C-alpha atoms as a PDB file:
ATOM      1  CA  UNK A   1     175.812  73.455  70.751  1.00  0.00           C
ATOM      2  CA  UNK A   2     173.148  75.075  72.879  1.00  0.00           C
ATOM      3  CA  UNK A   3     171.765  73.648  76.095  1.00  0.00           C
ATOM      4  CA  UNK A   4     168.223  73.393  74.711  1.00  0.00           C
ATOM      5  CA  UNK A   5     169.504  71.133  71.916  1.00  0.00           C
ATOM      6  CA  UNK A   6     170.717  68.533  74.424  1.00  0.00           C
ATOM      7  CA  UNK A   7     168.596  65.588  75.514  1.00  0.00           C
ATOM      8  CA  UNK A   8     167.889  64.975  79.209  1.00  0.00           C
ATOM      9  CA  UNK A   9     170.353  62.055  79.065  1.00  0.00           C
ATOM     10  CA  UNK A  10     173.067  64.310  77.628  1.00  0.00           C
ATOM     11  CA  UNK A  11     172.422  66.901  80.327  1.00  0.00           C
ATOM     12  CA  UNK A  12     172.495  64.207  83.035  1.00  0.00           C
ATOM     13  CA  UNK A  13     175.797  62.782  81.773  1.00  0.00           C
ATOM     14  CA  UNK A  14     177.285  66.276  81.548  1.00  0.00           C
ATOM     15  CA  UNK A  15     176.254  67.139  85.109  1.00  0.00           C
ATOM     16  CA  UNK A  16     177.423  63.802  86.524  1.00  0.00           C
ATOM     17  CA  UNK A  17     180.676  64.053  84.598  1.00  0.00           C
ATOM     18  CA  UNK A  18     181.276  67.565  85.913  1.00  0.00           C
ATOM     19  CA  UNK A  19     180.398  66.637  89.520  1.00  0.00           C
ATOM     20  CA  UNK A  20     182.604  63.535  89.559  1.00  0.00           C
ATOM     21  CA  UNK A  21     185.426  65.337  87.777  1.00  0.00           C
ATOM     22  CA  UNK A  22     185.327  68.249  90.217  1.00  0.00           C
ATOM     23  CA  UNK A  23     185.282  65.875  93.197  1.00  0.00           C
ATOM     24  CA  UNK A  24     188.279  63.905  91.939  1.00  0.00           C
ATOM     25  CA  UNK A  25     190.167  67.035  90.811  1.00  0.00           C
ATOM     26  CA  UNK A  26     189.804  68.604  94.260  1.00  0.00           C
ATOM     27  CA  UNK A  27     190.788  65.325  95.952  1.00  0.00           C
ATOM     28  CA  UNK A  28     194.076  65.516  94.091  1.00  0.00           C
ATOM     29  CA  UNK A  29     194.590  69.269  94.290  1.00  0.00           C
ATOM     30  CA  UNK A  30     194.314  69.520  98.083  1.00  0.00           C
ATOM     31  CA  UNK A  31     196.805  66.655  98.466  1.00  0.00           C
ATOM     32  CA  UNK A  32     199.446  68.408  96.369  1.00  0.00           C
ATOM     33  CA  UNK A  33     201.733  71.202  97.539  1.00  0.00           C
ATOM     34  CA  UNK A  34     202.394  71.340 101.282  1.00  0.00           C
ATOM     35  CA  UNK A  35     199.993  68.443 101.911  1.00  0.00           C
ATOM     36  CA  UNK A  36     201.744  66.086  99.483  1.00  0.00           C
ATOM     37  CA  UNK A  37     204.290  64.725 101.990  1.00  0.00           C
ATOM     38  CA  UNK A  38     201.620  64.508 104.691  1.00  0.00           C
ATOM     39  CA  UNK A  39     199.406  62.451 102.384  1.00  0.00           C
ATOM     40  CA  UNK A  40     202.245  60.078 101.515  1.00  0.00           C
ATOM     41  CA  UNK A  41     203.202  59.683 105.200  1.00  0.00           C
ATOM     42  CA  UNK A  42     199.570  59.132 106.186  1.00  0.00           C
ATOM     43  CA  UNK A  43     199.052  56.529 103.466  1.00  0.00           C
ATOM     44  CA  UNK A  44     202.306  54.728 104.303  1.00  0.00           C
ATOM     45  CA  UNK A  45     201.376  54.697 107.997  1.00  0.00           C
ATOM     46  CA  UNK A  46     197.945  53.318 107.201  1.00  0.00           C
ATOM     47  CA  UNK A  47     199.515  50.289 105.500  1.00  0.00           C
ATOM     48  CA  UNK A  48     202.473  49.759 107.873  1.00  0.00           C
ATOM     49  CA  UNK A  49     201.007  46.528 109.299  1.00  0.00           C
ATOM     50  CA  UNK A  50     199.677  45.255 105.979  1.00  0.00           C
ATOM     51  CA  UNK A  51     201.360  42.624 103.815  1.00  0.00           C
ATOM     52  CA  UNK A  52     202.054  45.254 101.143  1.00  0.00           C
ATOM     53  CA  UNK A  53     205.702  46.336 100.908  1.00  0.00           C
ATOM     54  CA  UNK A  54     206.424  49.911 102.027  1.00  0.00           C
ATOM     55  CA  UNK A  55     208.109  50.829  98.733  1.00  0.00           C
ATOM     56  CA  UNK A  56     205.002  49.801  96.777  1.00  0.00           C
ATOM     57  CA  UNK A  57     202.668  51.741  99.086  1.00  0.00           C
ATOM     58  CA  UNK A  58     204.912  54.816  98.888  1.00  0.00           C
ATOM     59  CA  UNK A  59     205.195  54.596  95.105  1.00  0.00           C
ATOM     60  CA  UNK A  60     201.428  54.342  94.700  1.00  0.00           C
ATOM     61  CA  UNK A  61     200.834  57.112  97.259  1.00  0.00           C
ATOM     62  CA  UNK A  62     203.097  59.404  95.219  1.00  0.00           C
ATOM     63  CA  UNK A  63     200.982  58.808  92.101  1.00  0.00           C
ATOM     64  CA  UNK A  64     197.513  59.251  93.609  1.00  0.00           C
ATOM     65  CA  UNK A  65     197.320  63.079  93.885  1.00  0.00           C
ATOM     66  CA  UNK A  66     198.717  63.802  90.392  1.00  0.00           C
ATOM     67  CA  UNK A  67     196.490  61.079  88.919  1.00  0.00           C
ATOM     68  CA  UNK A  68     193.404  62.425  90.680  1.00  0.00           C
ATOM     69  CA  UNK A  69     194.172  65.981  89.602  1.00  0.00           C
ATOM     70  CA  UNK A  70     194.761  64.983  85.983  1.00  0.00           C
ATOM     71  CA  UNK A  71     191.822  62.597  85.709  1.00  0.00           C
ATOM     72  CA  UNK A  72     189.565  65.126  87.413  1.00  0.00           C
ATOM     73  CA  UNK A  73     190.384  67.999  85.063  1.00  0.00           C
ATOM     74  CA  UNK A  74     190.041  65.763  81.989  1.00  0.00           C
ATOM     75  CA  UNK A  75     186.644  64.506  83.171  1.00  0.00           C
ATOM     76  CA  UNK A  76     185.467  68.058  83.957  1.00  0.00           C
ATOM     77  CA  UNK A  77     186.449  69.245  80.483  1.00  0.00           C
ATOM     78  CA  UNK A  78     185.234  66.134  78.709  1.00  0.00           C
ATOM     79  CA  UNK A  79     188.654  65.767  77.125  1.00  0.00           C
ATOM     80  CA  UNK A  80     189.902  62.233  76.416  1.00  0.00           C
ATOM     81  CA  UNK A  81     186.828  61.357  78.431  1.00  0.00           C
ATOM     82  CA  UNK A  82     186.766  57.595  77.938  1.00  0.00           C
ATOM     83  CA  UNK A  83     190.463  57.026  78.732  1.00  0.00           C
ATOM     84  CA  UNK A  84     190.198  59.366  81.738  1.00  0.00           C
ATOM     85  CA  UNK A  85     187.162  57.486  83.058  1.00  0.00           C
ATOM     86  CA  UNK A  86     188.907  54.131  82.588  1.00  0.00           C
ATOM     87  CA  UNK A  87     192.034  55.357  84.398  1.00  0.00           C
ATOM     88  CA  UNK A  88     189.884  56.808  87.184  1.00  0.00           C
ATOM     89  CA  UNK A  89     188.046  53.504  87.543  1.00  0.00           C
ATOM     90  CA  UNK A  90     191.304  51.550  87.671  1.00  0.00           C
ATOM     91  CA  UNK A  91     192.723  53.893  90.326  1.00  0.00           C
ATOM     92  CA  UNK A  92     189.571  53.417  92.409  1.00  0.00           C
ATOM     93  CA  UNK A  93     189.793  49.635  92.005  1.00  0.00           C
ATOM     94  CA  UNK A  94     193.399  49.749  93.251  1.00  0.00           C
ATOM     95  CA  UNK A  95     192.382  51.944  96.193  1.00  0.00           C
ATOM     96  CA  UNK A  96     189.499  49.601  96.953  1.00  0.00           C
ATOM     97  CA  UNK A  97     191.817  46.586  96.910  1.00  0.00           C
ATOM     98  CA  UNK A  98     194.041  48.330  99.441  1.00  0.00           C
ATOM     99  CA  UNK A  99     191.106  48.990 101.732  1.00  0.00           C
ATOM    100  CA  UNK A 100     190.006  45.350 101.355  1.00  0.00           C
ATOM    101  CA  UNK A 101     193.468  44.277 102.541  1.00  0.00           C
ATOM    102  CA  UNK A 102     192.993  46.554 105.577  1.00  0.00           C
ATOM    103  CA  UNK A 103     189.445  45.215 105.978  1.00  0.00           C
ATOM    104  CA  UNK A 104     188.074  48.764 106.028  1.00  0.00           C
ATOM    105  CA  UNK A 105     184.684  47.785 104.634  1.00  0.00           C
ATOM    106  CA  UNK A 106     183.070  51.187 105.191  1.00  0.00           C
ATOM    107  CA  UNK A 107     185.625  52.850 102.896  1.00  0.00           C
ATOM    108  CA  UNK A 108     185.328  49.945 100.434  1.00  0.00           C
ATOM    109  CA  UNK A 109     181.600  50.695 100.177  1.00  0.00           C
ATOM    110  CA  UNK A 110     182.309  54.360  99.490  1.00  0.00           C
ATOM    111  CA  UNK A 111     184.890  53.448  96.869  1.00  0.00           C
ATOM    112  CA  UNK A 112     182.382  51.121  95.219  1.00  0.00           C
ATOM    113  CA  UNK A 113     180.102  54.166  94.857  1.00  0.00           C
ATOM    114  CA  UNK A 114     182.873  55.998  92.995  1.00  0.00           C
ATOM    115  CA  UNK A 115     183.427  52.916  90.818  1.00  0.00           C
ATOM    116  CA  UNK A 116     179.690  52.838  90.071  1.00  0.00           C
ATOM    117  CA  UNK A 117     179.742  56.515  89.051  1.00  0.00           C
ATOM    118  CA  UNK A 118     182.783  56.046  86.824  1.00  0.00           C
ATOM    119  CA  UNK A 119     181.347  52.949  85.149  1.00  0.00           C
ATOM    120  CA  UNK A 120     177.931  54.592  84.702  1.00  0.00           C
ATOM    121  CA  UNK A 121     179.641  57.412  82.829  1.00  0.00           C
ATOM    122  CA  UNK A 122     181.518  54.856  80.733  1.00  0.00           C
ATOM    123  CA  UNK A 123     178.274  52.982  80.042  1.00  0.00           C
ATOM    124  CA  UNK A 124     176.522  56.194  78.970  1.00  0.00           C
ATOM    125  CA  UNK A 125     179.505  57.650  77.074  1.00  0.00           C
ATOM    126  CA  UNK A 126     177.396  57.927  73.914  1.00  0.00           C
ATOM    127  CA  UNK A 127     175.489  60.760  75.647  1.00  0.00           C
ATOM    128  CA  UNK A 128     178.726  62.703  76.249  1.00  0.00           C
ATOM    129  CA  UNK A 129     177.973  65.476  73.753  1.00  0.00           C
ATOM    130  CA  UNK A 130     178.737  68.625  75.765  1.00  0.00           C
ATOM    131  CA  UNK A 131     182.474  67.954  75.934  1.00  0.00           C
ATOM    132  CA  UNK A 132     185.746  69.109  74.431  1.00  0.00           C
ATOM    133  CA  UNK A 133     186.059  65.674  72.846  1.00  0.00           C
ATOM    134  CA  UNK A 134     183.180  66.643  70.555  1.00  0.00           C
ATOM    135  CA  UNK A 135     184.789  69.962  69.613  1.00  0.00           C
ATOM    136  CA  UNK A 136     188.319  68.663  69.061  1.00  0.00           C
ATOM    137  CA  UNK A 137     187.624  65.194  67.707  1.00  0.00           C
ATOM    138  CA  UNK A 138     184.488  65.886  65.621  1.00  0.00           C
ATOM    139  CA  UNK A 139     183.184  62.656  64.211  1.00  0.00           C
END
């Protein structure tokens, strides 16, 4: 498939998908490695005075960087795009709920922007033509 054969909507979805995927991938990547423990400690500390149990916060904090890295790379590549977008949306909803519990409304607003981007890509999934999904799962 050549770029000139794509519609403006297909190009827009491809660019948005790539931008969001890269953002989420890098969110996860920089939190892995030597920063992994720091991220978990920071997240646990953030919720120390919340009603959420420490073990639940720690468990979720452990999953965030690998989830972000995996979802991000899948979204970039356009591979298993719909499931990756749904998982990404659900992760953002969980993160948003946590920030609502902390009453950090500024971060909640930012997270709602991510949720909007994810759901826009889900809504316009039919324009997702420049993707590995189309190469591997030809329909």
